[in-house]
PDB file of N, CA and C in Angstrom:
ATOM      1  N   SER A   1      81.813  97.449  85.672  1.00  0.00           N
ATOM      2  CA  SER A   1      82.282  97.738  87.009  1.00  0.00           C
ATOM      3  C   SER A   1      82.063  96.508  87.884  1.00  0.00           C
ATOM      4  N   LEU A   2      83.090  96.110  88.610  1.00  0.00           N
ATOM      5  CA  LEU A   2      83.009  94.959  89.508  1.00  0.00           C
ATOM      6  C   LEU A   2      83.111  95.458  90.939  1.00  0.00           C
ATOM      7  N   GLY A   3      82.023  95.428  91.666  1.00  0.00           N
ATOM      8  CA  GLY A   3      82.044  95.868  93.057  1.00  0.00           C
ATOM      9  C   GLY A   3      82.491  97.309  93.210  1.00  0.00           C
ATOM     10  N   GLY A   4      82.142  98.166  92.243  1.00  0.00           N
ATOM     11  CA  GLY A   4      82.546  99.559  92.302  1.00  0.00           C
ATOM     12  C   GLY A   4      83.931  99.815  91.755  1.00  0.00           C
ATOM     13  N   ILE A   5      84.597  98.777  91.276  1.00  0.00           N
ATOM     14  CA  ILE A   5      85.950  98.903  90.754  1.00  0.00           C
ATOM     15  C   ILE A   5      85.894  98.817  89.240  1.00  0.00           C
ATOM     16  N   GLU A   6      86.575  99.748  88.594  1.00  0.00           N
ATOM     17  CA  GLU A   6      86.618  99.735  87.136  1.00  0.00           C
ATOM     18  C   GLU A   6      87.276  98.442  86.658  1.00  0.00           C
ATOM     19  N   TYR A   7      86.669  97.790  85.671  1.00  0.00           N
ATOM     20  CA  TYR A   7      87.193  96.530  85.152  1.00  0.00           C
ATOM     21  C   TYR A   7      87.087  96.543  83.645  1.00  0.00           C
ATOM     22  N   ARG A   8      88.173  96.192  82.972  1.00  0.00           N
ATOM     23  CA  ARG A   8      88.173  96.146  81.516  1.00  0.00           C
ATOM     24  C   ARG A   8      88.806  94.851  81.048  1.00  0.00           C
ATOM     25  N   GLN A   9      88.254  94.301  79.987  1.00  0.00           N
ATOM     26  CA  GLN A   9      88.793  93.083  79.372  1.00  0.00           C
ATOM     27  C   GLN A   9      89.376  93.471  78.017  1.00  0.00           C
ATOM     28  N   TYR A  10      90.623  93.139  77.788  1.00  0.00           N
ATOM     29  CA  TYR A  10      91.284  93.411  76.525  1.00  0.00           C
ATOM     30  C   TYR A  10      91.807  92.106  75.948  1.00  0.00           C
ATOM     31  N   SER A  11      92.214  92.131  74.704  1.00  0.00           N
ATOM     32  CA  SER A  11      92.818  90.960  74.082  1.00  0.00           C
ATOM     33  C   SER A  11      94.055  91.405  73.323  1.00  0.00           C
ATOM     34  N   GLN A  12      95.185  90.838  73.680  1.00  0.00           N
ATOM     35  CA  GLN A  12      96.439  91.185  73.037  1.00  0.00           C
ATOM     36  C   GLN A  12      97.464  90.123  73.405  1.00  0.00           C
ATOM     37  N   THR A  13      98.447  89.888  72.545  1.00  0.00           N
ATOM     38  CA  THR A  13      99.479  88.895  72.820  1.00  0.00           C
ATOM     39  C   THR A  13     100.427  89.415  73.888  1.00  0.00           C
ATOM     40  N   SER A  14     100.873  88.531  74.776  1.00  0.00           N
ATOM     41  CA  SER A  14     101.807  88.929  75.816  1.00  0.00           C
ATOM     42  C   SER A  14     102.791  87.800  76.089  1.00  0.00           C
ATOM     43  N   SER A  15     103.734  88.054  76.990  1.00  0.00           N
ATOM     44  CA  SER A  15     104.819  87.110  77.251  1.00  0.00           C
ATOM     45  C   SER A  15     104.362  85.880  78.030  1.00  0.00           C
ATOM     46  N   ASN A  16     105.273  84.929  78.181  1.00  0.00           N
ATOM     47  CA  ASN A  16     104.977  83.668  78.867  1.00  0.00           C
ATOM     48  C   ASN A  16     104.837  83.855  80.371  1.00  0.00           C
ATOM     49  N   PHE A  17     104.061  82.993  80.982  1.00  0.00           N
ATOM     50  CA  PHE A  17     103.852  82.983  82.430  1.00  0.00           C
ATOM     51  C   PHE A  17     105.149  82.593  83.132  1.00  0.00           C
ATOM     52  N   ASN A  18     105.494  83.294  84.215  1.00  0.00           N
ATOM     53  CA  ASN A  18     106.677  82.992  85.001  1.00  0.00           C
ATOM     54  C   ASN A  18     106.224  82.711  86.433  1.00  0.00           C
ATOM     55  N   ILE A  19     106.229  81.441  86.830  1.00  0.00           N
ATOM     56  CA  ILE A  19     105.720  81.046  88.149  1.00  0.00           C
ATOM     57  C   ILE A  19     106.514  81.681  89.292  1.00  0.00           C
ATOM     58  N   ALA A  20     107.830  81.836  89.138  1.00  0.00           N
ATOM     59  CA  ALA A  20     108.644  82.427  90.203  1.00  0.00           C
ATOM     60  C   ALA A  20     108.245  83.885  90.441  1.00  0.00           C
ATOM     61  N   ASP A  21     108.110  84.662  89.373  1.00  0.00           N
ATOM     62  CA  ASP A  21     107.679  86.055  89.514  1.00  0.00           C
ATOM     63  C   ASP A  21     106.287  86.135  90.117  1.00  0.00           C
ATOM     64  N   PHE A  22     105.425  85.245  89.673  1.00  0.00           N
ATOM     65  CA  PHE A  22     104.046  85.223  90.152  1.00  0.00           C
ATOM     66  C   PHE A  22     103.986  84.989  91.655  1.00  0.00           C
ATOM     67  N   LEU A  23     104.695  83.983  92.143  1.00  0.00           N
ATOM     68  CA  LEU A  23     104.638  83.636  93.564  1.00  0.00           C
ATOM     69  C   LEU A  23     105.357  84.643  94.450  1.00  0.00           C
ATOM     70  N   GLN A  24     106.287  85.423  93.888  1.00  0.00           N
ATOM     71  CA  GLN A  24     107.018  86.410  94.678  1.00  0.00           C
ATOM     72  C   GLN A  24     106.407  87.809  94.586  1.00  0.00           C
ATOM     73  N   SER A  25     105.311  87.952  93.875  1.00  0.00           N
ATOM     74  CA  SER A  25     104.698  89.268  93.705  1.00  0.00           C
ATOM     75  C   SER A  25     103.994  89.703  94.988  1.00  0.00           C
ATOM     76  N   ASN A  26     103.591  90.961  95.027  1.00  0.00           N
ATOM     77  CA  ASN A  26     102.863  91.507  96.173  1.00  0.00           C
ATOM     78  C   ASN A  26     101.394  91.132  96.166  1.00  0.00           C
ATOM     79  N   PHE A  27     100.977  90.305  95.234  1.00  0.00           N
ATOM     80  CA  PHE A  27      99.574  89.940  95.140  1.00  0.00           C
ATOM     81  C   PHE A  27      99.175  88.870  96.152  1.00  0.00           C
ATOM     82  N   HIS A  28     100.112  88.229  96.797  1.00  0.00           N
ATOM     83  CA  HIS A  28      99.828  87.201  97.789  1.00  0.00           C
ATOM     84  C   HIS A  28      98.824  86.178  97.283  1.00  0.00           C
ATOM     85  N   PRO A  29      99.154  85.458  96.214  1.00  0.00           N
ATOM     86  CA  PRO A  29      98.186  84.515  95.636  1.00  0.00           C
ATOM     87  C   PRO A  29      97.952  83.304  96.523  1.00  0.00           C
ATOM     88  N   THR A  30      96.720  82.847  96.545  1.00  0.00           N
ATOM     89  CA  THR A  30      96.370  81.598  97.214  1.00  0.00           C
ATOM     90  C   THR A  30      95.347  80.882  96.348  1.00  0.00           C
ATOM     91  N   PHE A  31      95.283  79.580  96.479  1.00  0.00           N
ATOM     92  CA  PHE A  31      94.282  78.815  95.759  1.00  0.00           C
ATOM     93  C   PHE A  31      93.090  78.572  96.662  1.00  0.00           C
ATOM     94  N   ALA A  32      91.907  78.614  96.079  1.00  0.00           N
ATOM     95  CA  ALA A  32      90.700  78.299  96.834  1.00  0.00           C
ATOM     96  C   ALA A  32      90.756  76.831  97.234  1.00  0.00           C
ATOM     97  N   PRO A  33      90.107  76.462  98.347  1.00  0.00           N
ATOM     98  CA  PRO A  33      90.156  75.069  98.803  1.00  0.00           C
ATOM     99  C   PRO A  33      89.736  74.055  97.745  1.00  0.00           C
ATOM    100  N   ASN A  34      88.826  74.419  96.854  1.00  0.00           N
ATOM    101  CA  ASN A  34      88.386  73.460  95.844  1.00  0.00           C
ATOM    102  C   ASN A  34      89.305  73.441  94.625  1.00  0.00           C
ATOM    103  N   GLY A  35      90.313  74.330  94.585  1.00  0.00           N
ATOM    104  CA  GLY A  35      91.274  74.355  93.496  1.00  0.00           C
ATOM    105  C   GLY A  35      90.710  74.835  92.176  1.00  0.00           C
ATOM    106  N   LYS A  36      89.541  75.457  92.195  1.00  0.00           N
ATOM    107  CA  LYS A  36      88.906  75.874  90.947  1.00  0.00           C
ATOM    108  C   LYS A  36      89.067  77.356  90.652  1.00  0.00           C
ATOM    109  N   LYS A  37      89.768  78.072  91.526  1.00  0.00           N
ATOM    110  CA  LYS A  37      90.013  79.476  91.246  1.00  0.00           C
ATOM    111  C   LYS A  37      91.295  79.930  91.927  1.00  0.00           C
ATOM    112  N   LEU A  38      91.815  81.012  91.429  1.00  0.00           N
ATOM    113  CA  LEU A  38      92.988  81.655  91.983  1.00  0.00           C
ATOM    114  C   LEU A  38      92.490  82.898  92.700  1.00  0.00           C
ATOM    115  N   ILE A  39      92.955  83.125  93.909  1.00  0.00           N
ATOM    116  CA  ILE A  39      92.535  84.291  94.677  1.00  0.00           C
ATOM    117  C   ILE A  39      93.758  85.177  94.889  1.00  0.00           C
ATOM    118  N   LEU A  40      93.680  86.419  94.445  1.00  0.00           N
ATOM    119  CA  LEU A  40      94.764  87.372  94.624  1.00  0.00           C
ATOM    120  C   LEU A  40      94.303  88.439  95.598  1.00  0.00           C
ATOM    121  N   LYS A  41      95.184  88.797  96.540  1.00  0.00           N
ATOM    122  CA  LYS A  41      94.831  89.796  97.550  1.00  0.00           C
ATOM    123  C   LYS A  41      95.867  90.910  97.546  1.00  0.00           C
ATOM    124  N   ILE A  42      95.375  92.147  97.615  1.00  0.00           N
ATOM    125  CA  ILE A  42      96.252  93.313  97.647  1.00  0.00           C
ATOM    126  C   ILE A  42      95.755  94.246  98.743  1.00  0.00           C
ATOM    127  N   ASP A  43      96.671  94.708  99.588  1.00  0.00           N
ATOM    128  CA  ASP A  43      96.310  95.654 100.638  1.00  0.00           C
ATOM    129  C   ASP A  43      96.083  97.025  99.996  1.00  0.00           C
ATOM    130  N   THR A  44      94.844  97.471  99.970  1.00  0.00           N
ATOM    131  CA  THR A  44      94.508  98.770  99.374  1.00  0.00           C
ATOM    132  C   THR A  44      93.912  99.715 100.417  1.00  0.00           C
ATOM    133  N   ARG A  45      94.280  99.505 101.688  1.00  0.00           N
ATOM    134  CA  ARG A  45      93.795 100.412 102.735  1.00  0.00           C
ATOM    135  C   ARG A  45      94.180 101.844 102.379  1.00  0.00           C
ATOM    136  N   GLY A  46      93.257 102.758 102.595  1.00  0.00           N
ATOM    137  CA  GLY A  46      93.499 104.157 102.283  1.00  0.00           C
ATOM    138  C   GLY A  46      92.942 104.576 100.934  1.00  0.00           C
ATOM    139  N   TYR A  47      92.484 103.605 100.145  1.00  0.00           N
ATOM    140  CA  TYR A  47      91.879 103.897  98.845  1.00  0.00           C
ATOM    141  C   TYR A  47      90.399 103.535  98.885  1.00  0.00           C
ATOM    142  N   ASP A  48      89.575 104.362  98.261  1.00  0.00           N
ATOM    143  CA  ASP A  48      88.164 104.037  98.075  1.00  0.00           C
ATOM    144  C   ASP A  48      88.038 103.164  96.834  1.00  0.00           C
ATOM    145  N   PRO A  49      86.994 102.335  96.741  1.00  0.00           N
ATOM    146  CA  PRO A  49      86.829 101.483  95.555  1.00  0.00           C
ATOM    147  C   PRO A  49      86.855 102.252  94.234  1.00  0.00           C
ATOM    148  N   ASP A  50      86.316 103.480  94.217  1.00  0.00           N
ATOM    149  CA  ASP A  50      86.317 104.241  92.962  1.00  0.00           C
ATOM    150  C   ASP A  50      87.691 104.817  92.621  1.00  0.00           C
ATOM    151  N   GLU A  51      88.663 104.647  93.499  1.00  0.00           N
ATOM    152  CA  GLU A  51      90.037 105.083  93.239  1.00  0.00           C
ATOM    153  C   GLU A  51      90.912 103.925  92.768  1.00  0.00           C
ATOM    154  N   LEU A  52      90.307 102.760  92.560  1.00  0.00           N
ATOM    155  CA  LEU A  52      91.028 101.561  92.135  1.00  0.00           C
ATOM    156  C   LEU A  52      90.606 101.153  90.735  1.00  0.00           C
ATOM    157  N   SER A  53      91.530 100.561  90.015  1.00  0.00           N
ATOM    158  CA  SER A  53      91.265 100.072  88.667  1.00  0.00           C
ATOM    159  C   SER A  53      91.868  98.678  88.536  1.00  0.00           C
ATOM    160  N   VAL A  54      91.065  97.726  88.036  1.00  0.00           N
ATOM    161  CA  VAL A  54      91.523  96.357  87.781  1.00  0.00           C
ATOM    162  C   VAL A  54      91.329  96.103  86.296  1.00  0.00           C
ATOM    163  N   ARG A  55      92.417  95.815  85.596  1.00  0.00           N
ATOM    164  CA  ARG A  55      92.340  95.583  84.150  1.00  0.00           C
ATOM    165  C   ARG A  55      93.016  94.262  83.809  1.00  0.00           C
ATOM    166  N   LEU A  56      92.448  93.582  82.840  1.00  0.00           N
ATOM    167  CA  LEU A  56      93.009  92.322  82.363  1.00  0.00           C
ATOM    168  C   LEU A  56      93.312  92.472  80.886  1.00  0.00           C
ATOM    169  N   LEU A  57      94.600  92.393  80.530  1.00  0.00           N
ATOM    170  CA  LEU A  57      95.059  92.490  79.152  1.00  0.00           C
ATOM    171  C   LEU A  57      95.652  91.137  78.813  1.00  0.00           C
ATOM    172  N   ASP A  58      94.891  90.328  78.068  1.00  0.00           N
ATOM    173  CA  ASP A  58      95.232  88.917  77.883  1.00  0.00           C
ATOM    174  C   ASP A  58      95.386  88.304  79.268  1.00  0.00           C
ATOM    175  N   ASN A  59      96.554  87.809  79.593  1.00  0.00           N
ATOM    176  CA  ASN A  59      96.764  87.213  80.911  1.00  0.00           C
ATOM    177  C   ASN A  59      97.552  88.134  81.836  1.00  0.00           C
ATOM    178  N   ASN A  60      97.681  89.395  81.477  1.00  0.00           N
ATOM    179  CA  ASN A  60      98.348  90.367  82.332  1.00  0.00           C
ATOM    180  C   ASN A  60      97.308  91.120  83.144  1.00  0.00           C
ATOM    181  N   LEU A  61      97.414  91.007  84.453  1.00  0.00           N
ATOM    182  CA  LEU A  61      96.502  91.690  85.362  1.00  0.00           C
ATOM    183  C   LEU A  61      97.181  92.964  85.843  1.00  0.00           C
ATOM    184  N   LEU A  62      96.527  94.093  85.656  1.00  0.00           N
ATOM    185  CA  LEU A  62      97.052  95.379  86.092  1.00  0.00           C
ATOM    186  C   LEU A  62      96.094  95.965  87.121  1.00  0.00           C
ATOM    187  N   VAL A  63      96.616  96.231  88.306  1.00  0.00           N
ATOM    188  CA  VAL A  63      95.827  96.829  89.380  1.00  0.00           C
ATOM    189  C   VAL A  63      96.477  98.160  89.725  1.00  0.00           C
ATOM    190  N   GLN A  64      95.664  99.219  89.710  1.00  0.00           N
ATOM    191  CA  GLN A  64      96.178 100.545  90.000  1.00  0.00           C
ATOM    192  C   GLN A  64      95.288 101.243  91.015  1.00  0.00           C
ATOM    193  N   GLY A  65      95.907 102.086  91.810  1.00  0.00           N
ATOM    194  CA  GLY A  65      95.180 102.927  92.742  1.00  0.00           C
ATOM    195  C   GLY A  65      95.721 104.339  92.662  1.00  0.00           C
ATOM    196  N   LYS A  66      94.824 105.311  92.709  1.00  0.00           N
ATOM    197  CA  LYS A  66      95.247 106.709  92.644  1.00  0.00           C
ATOM    198  C   LYS A  66      94.331 107.539  93.525  1.00  0.00           C
ATOM    199  N   LYS A  67      94.933 108.227  94.489  1.00  0.00           N
ATOM    200  CA  LYS A  67      94.177 109.048  95.441  1.00  0.00           C
ATOM    201  C   LYS A  67      94.767 110.451  95.420  1.00  0.00           C
ATOM    202  N   LYS A  68      93.910 111.423  95.201  1.00  0.00           N
ATOM    203  CA  LYS A  68      94.336 112.824  95.223  1.00  0.00           C
ATOM    204  C   LYS A  68      93.804 113.476  96.490  1.00  0.00           C
ATOM    205  N   PHE A  69      94.639 114.312  97.093  1.00  0.00           N
ATOM    206  CA  PHE A  69      94.207 115.025  98.287  1.00  0.00           C
ATOM    207  C   PHE A  69      94.984 116.328  98.390  1.00  0.00           C
ATOM    208  N   ALA A  70      94.430 117.275  99.129  1.00  0.00           N
ATOM    209  CA  ALA A  70      95.063 118.575  99.321  1.00  0.00           C
ATOM    210  C   ALA A  70      95.668 118.635 100.718  1.00  0.00           C
ATOM    211  N   LEU A  71      96.857 119.163 100.788  1.00  0.00           N
ATOM    212  CA  LEU A  71      97.529 119.350 102.072  1.00  0.00           C
ATOM    213  C   LEU A  71      97.272 120.769 102.580  1.00  0.00           C
ATOM    214  N   TYR A  72      97.766 121.055 103.771  1.00  0.00           N
ATOM    215  CA  TYR A  72      97.589 122.384 104.351  1.00  0.00           C
ATOM    216  C   TYR A  72      98.248 123.460 103.502  1.00  0.00           C
ATOM    217  N   THR A  73      99.217 123.081 102.698  1.00  0.00           N
ATOM    218  CA  THR A  73      99.913 124.039 101.838  1.00  0.00           C
ATOM    219  C   THR A  73      99.086 124.405 100.611  1.00  0.00           C
ATOM    220  N   LYS A  74      97.888 123.833 100.519  1.00  0.00           N
ATOM    221  CA  LYS A  74      96.984 124.032  99.382  1.00  0.00           C
ATOM    222  C   LYS A  74      97.564 123.456  98.088  1.00  0.00           C
ATOM    223  N   LYS A  75      98.551 122.632  98.231  1.00  0.00           N
ATOM    224  CA  LYS A  75      99.143 121.964  97.072  1.00  0.00           C
ATOM    225  C   LYS A  75      98.525 120.573  96.968  1.00  0.00           C
ATOM    226  N   ASN A  76      98.033 120.224  95.803  1.00  0.00           N
ATOM    227  CA  ASN A  76      97.450 118.896  95.614  1.00  0.00           C
ATOM    228  C   ASN A  76      98.542 117.837  95.595  1.00  0.00           C
ATOM    229  N   GLU A  77      98.304 116.769  96.295  1.00  0.00           N
ATOM    230  CA  GLU A  77      99.225 115.636  96.343  1.00  0.00           C
ATOM    231  C   GLU A  77      98.515 114.407  95.799  1.00  0.00           C
ATOM    232  N   THR A  78      99.287 113.468  95.303  1.00  0.00           N
ATOM    233  CA  THR A  78      98.732 112.227  94.770  1.00  0.00           C
ATOM    234  C   THR A  78      99.465 111.046  95.380  1.00  0.00           C
ATOM    235  N   LYS A  79      98.691 110.084  95.845  1.00  0.00           N
ATOM    236  CA  LYS A  79      99.225 108.815  96.348  1.00  0.00           C
ATOM    237  C   LYS A  79      98.771 107.760  95.346  1.00  0.00           C
ATOM    238  N   GLN A  80      99.703 106.958  94.821  1.00  0.00           N
ATOM    239  CA  GLN A  80      99.301 105.977  93.822  1.00  0.00           C
ATOM    240  C   GLN A  80     100.182 104.737  93.857  1.00  0.00           C
ATOM    241  N   PHE A  81      99.657 103.663  93.289  1.00  0.00           N
ATOM    242  CA  PHE A  81     100.422 102.435  93.132  1.00  0.00           C
ATOM    243  C   PHE A  81      99.983 101.753  91.847  1.00  0.00           C
ATOM    244  N   SER A  82     100.829 100.874  91.361  1.00  0.00           N
ATOM    245  CA  SER A  82     100.518 100.088  90.172  1.00  0.00           C
ATOM    246  C   SER A  82     101.176  98.723  90.329  1.00  0.00           C
ATOM    247  N   GLN A  83     100.399  97.660  90.158  1.00  0.00           N
ATOM    248  CA  GLN A  83     100.902  96.287  90.233  1.00  0.00           C
ATOM    249  C   GLN A  83     100.522  95.573  88.942  1.00  0.00           C
ATOM    250  N   ASN A  84     101.484  94.915  88.329  1.00  0.00           N
ATOM    251  CA  ASN A  84     101.233  94.168  87.097  1.00  0.00           C
ATOM    252  C   ASN A  84     101.774  92.754  87.279  1.00  0.00           C
ATOM    253  N   ILE A  85     100.963  91.772  86.962  1.00  0.00           N
ATOM    254  CA  ILE A  85     101.407  90.379  87.099  1.00  0.00           C
ATOM    255  C   ILE A  85     100.879  89.566  85.930  1.00  0.00           C
ATOM    256  N   ARG A  86     101.719  88.682  85.433  1.00  0.00           N
ATOM    257  CA  ARG A  86     101.338  87.762  84.356  1.00  0.00           C
ATOM    258  C   ARG A  86     100.640  86.567  84.987  1.00  0.00           C
ATOM    259  N   LEU A  87      99.403  86.308  84.574  1.00  0.00           N
ATOM    260  CA  LEU A  87      98.632  85.175  85.077  1.00  0.00           C
ATOM    261  C   LEU A  87      98.850  83.959  84.182  1.00  0.00           C
ATOM    262  N   PRO A  88      98.655  82.771  84.715  1.00  0.00           N
ATOM    263  CA  PRO A  88      98.863  81.555  83.916  1.00  0.00           C
ATOM    264  C   PRO A  88      97.778  81.374  82.860  1.00  0.00           C
ATOM    265  N   ASP A  89      98.085  80.585  81.847  1.00  0.00           N
ATOM    266  CA  ASP A  89      97.062  80.186  80.885  1.00  0.00           C
ATOM    267  C   ASP A  89      96.047  79.324  81.623  1.00  0.00           C
ATOM    268  N   GLY A  90      94.871  79.184  81.067  1.00  0.00           N
ATOM    269  CA  GLY A  90      93.855  78.335  81.682  1.00  0.00           C
ATOM    270  C   GLY A  90      92.946  79.059  82.647  1.00  0.00           C
ATOM    271  N   ILE A  91      92.967  80.404  82.614  1.00  0.00           N
ATOM    272  CA  ILE A  91      92.052  81.157  83.471  1.00  0.00           C
ATOM    273  C   ILE A  91      90.799  81.515  82.676  1.00  0.00           C
ATOM    274  N   ASP A  92      89.705  81.700  83.384  1.00  0.00           N
ATOM    275  CA  ASP A  92      88.439  82.098  82.773  1.00  0.00           C
ATOM    276  C   ASP A  92      88.372  83.628  82.798  1.00  0.00           C
ATOM    277  N   LYS A  93      88.875  84.262  81.753  1.00  0.00           N
ATOM    278  CA  LYS A  93      88.998  85.722  81.690  1.00  0.00           C
ATOM    279  C   LYS A  93      87.664  86.452  81.787  1.00  0.00           C
ATOM    280  N   TYR A  94      86.587  85.782  81.429  1.00  0.00           N
ATOM    281  CA  TYR A  94      85.289  86.447  81.357  1.00  0.00           C
ATOM    282  C   TYR A  94      84.507  86.398  82.669  1.00  0.00           C
ATOM    283  N   ASN A  95      85.031  85.711  83.667  1.00  0.00           N
ATOM    284  CA  ASN A  95      84.327  85.602  84.949  1.00  0.00           C
ATOM    285  C   ASN A  95      85.184  86.041  86.126  1.00  0.00           C
ATOM    286  N   VAL A  96      86.149  86.917  85.867  1.00  0.00           N
ATOM    287  CA  VAL A  96      86.984  87.468  86.928  1.00  0.00           C
ATOM    288  C   VAL A  96      86.144  88.468  87.721  1.00  0.00           C
ATOM    289  N   THR A  97      86.229  88.393  89.042  1.00  0.00           N
ATOM    290  CA  THR A  97      85.515  89.341  89.900  1.00  0.00           C
ATOM    291  C   THR A  97      86.485  89.965  90.889  1.00  0.00           C
ATOM    292  N   SER A  98      86.142  91.136  91.376  1.00  0.00           N
ATOM    293  CA  SER A  98      86.971  91.788  92.386  1.00  0.00           C
ATOM    294  C   SER A  98      86.082  92.579  93.330  1.00  0.00           C
ATOM    295  N   GLN A  99      86.549  92.691  94.563  1.00  0.00           N
ATOM    296  CA  GLN A  99      85.828  93.496  95.551  1.00  0.00           C
ATOM    297  C   GLN A  99      86.787  93.925  96.642  1.00  0.00           C
ATOM    298  N   VAL A 100      86.482  95.071  97.233  1.00  0.00           N
ATOM    299  CA  VAL A 100      87.260  95.561  98.362  1.00  0.00           C
ATOM    300  C   VAL A 100      86.543  95.122  99.626  1.00  0.00           C
ATOM    301  N   MET A 101      87.267  94.423 100.491  1.00  0.00           N
ATOM    302  CA  MET A 101      86.703  93.929 101.739  1.00  0.00           C
ATOM    303  C   MET A 101      86.687  95.055 102.781  1.00  0.00           C
ATOM    304  N   GLU A 102      85.987  94.834 103.882  1.00  0.00           N
ATOM    305  CA  GLU A 102      85.877  95.844 104.942  1.00  0.00           C
ATOM    306  C   GLU A 102      87.228  96.241 105.519  1.00  0.00           C
ATOM    307  N   ASP A 103      88.202  95.321 105.504  1.00  0.00           N
ATOM    308  CA  ASP A 103      89.526  95.620 106.047  1.00  0.00           C
ATOM    309  C   ASP A 103      90.425  96.336 105.045  1.00  0.00           C
ATOM    310  N   GLY A 104      89.896  96.688 103.853  1.00  0.00           N
ATOM    311  CA  GLY A 104      90.668  97.414 102.855  1.00  0.00           C
ATOM    312  C   GLY A 104      91.464  96.538 101.910  1.00  0.00           C
ATOM    313  N   VAL A 105      91.309  95.239 102.001  1.00  0.00           N
ATOM    314  CA  VAL A 105      92.020  94.320 101.109  1.00  0.00           C
ATOM    315  C   VAL A 105      91.194  94.112  99.846  1.00  0.00           C
ATOM    316  N   LEU A 106      91.828  94.328  98.702  1.00  0.00           N
ATOM    317  CA  LEU A 106      91.202  94.063  97.412  1.00  0.00           C
ATOM    318  C   LEU A 106      91.373  92.579  97.114  1.00  0.00           C
ATOM    319  N   VAL A 107      90.268  91.889  96.877  1.00  0.00           N
ATOM    320  CA  VAL A 107      90.297  90.451  96.581  1.00  0.00           C
ATOM    321  C   VAL A 107      89.852  90.263  95.138  1.00  0.00           C
ATOM    322  N   ILE A 108      90.697  89.601  94.348  1.00  0.00           N
ATOM    323  CA  ILE A 108      90.397  89.328  92.947  1.00  0.00           C
ATOM    324  C   ILE A 108      90.272  87.821  92.792  1.00  0.00           C
ATOM    325  N   ASP A 109      89.089  87.361  92.389  1.00  0.00           N
ATOM    326  CA  ASP A 109      88.834  85.934  92.156  1.00  0.00           C
ATOM    327  C   ASP A 109      88.962  85.656  90.670  1.00  0.00           C
ATOM    328  N   ILE A 110      89.835  84.707  90.328  1.00  0.00           N
ATOM    329  CA  ILE A 110      90.072  84.347  88.933  1.00  0.00           C
ATOM    330  C   ILE A 110      89.766  82.867  88.767  1.00  0.00           C
ATOM    331  N   PRO A 111      88.610  82.538  88.191  1.00  0.00           N
ATOM    332  CA  PRO A 111      88.264  81.127  87.990  1.00  0.00           C
ATOM    333  C   PRO A 111      89.223  80.459  87.001  1.00  0.00           C
ATOM    334  N   LEU A 112      89.491  79.191  87.253  1.00  0.00           N
ATOM    335  CA  LEU A 112      90.320  78.396  86.349  1.00  0.00           C
ATOM    336  C   LEU A 112      89.418  77.592  85.432  1.00  0.00           C
ATOM    337  N   LEU A 113      89.836  77.430  84.188  1.00  0.00           N
ATOM    338  CA  LEU A 113      89.061  76.618  83.252  1.00  0.00           C
ATOM    339  C   LEU A 113      89.160  75.142  83.609  1.00  0.00           C
ATOM    340  N   ASN A 114      90.303  74.729  84.163  1.00  0.00           N
ATOM    341  CA  ASN A 114      90.503  73.363  84.663  1.00  0.00           C
ATOM    342  C   ASN A 114      90.834  73.465  86.140  1.00  0.00           C
ATOM    343  N   SER A 115      90.698  72.389  86.874  1.00  0.00           N
ATOM    344  CA  SER A 115      90.922  72.452  88.322  1.00  0.00           C
ATOM    345  C   SER A 115      92.394  72.514  88.702  1.00  0.00           C
ATOM    346  N   VAL A 116      93.305  72.302  87.751  1.00  0.00           N
ATOM    347  CA  VAL A 116      94.737  72.417  88.033  1.00  0.00           C
ATOM    348  C   VAL A 116      95.378  73.289  86.966  1.00  0.00           C
ATOM    349  N   LEU A 117      96.454  73.986  87.349  1.00  0.00           N
ATOM    350  CA  LEU A 117      97.145  74.860  86.407  1.00  0.00           C
ATOM    351  C   LEU A 117      98.082  74.095  85.488  1.00  0.00           C
ATOM    352  N   TYR A 118      98.662  73.014  85.952  1.00  0.00           N
ATOM    353  CA  TYR A 118      99.685  72.322  85.163  1.00  0.00           C
ATOM    354  C   TYR A 118      99.278  70.892  84.921  1.00  0.00           C
TER     355      TYR A 118
END
């Protein structure tokens, strides 16, 4: 568990990294000032940390949120999301961390094995 968020490391072959898809995703990626890690941010307001899941399957990062609640009709409703993004080669898969900030933004820090991606 990373900061109360479920985290799993898997190993499996996956497709090639696509920089265009990566930069246009909802993850809002930014590089740390020192260039030694990739920082991904996702707006998860409305979800508690225990309702979020961060999984890494090879270089595929899967972030999911699922919230169940009951309405006045006594019918259970579910609010959920799922984001999947292919990360570049050269990441340190074993030192990925994540935490939900006070403003509800999930921040995922992905260290790079080298200071540049390309």
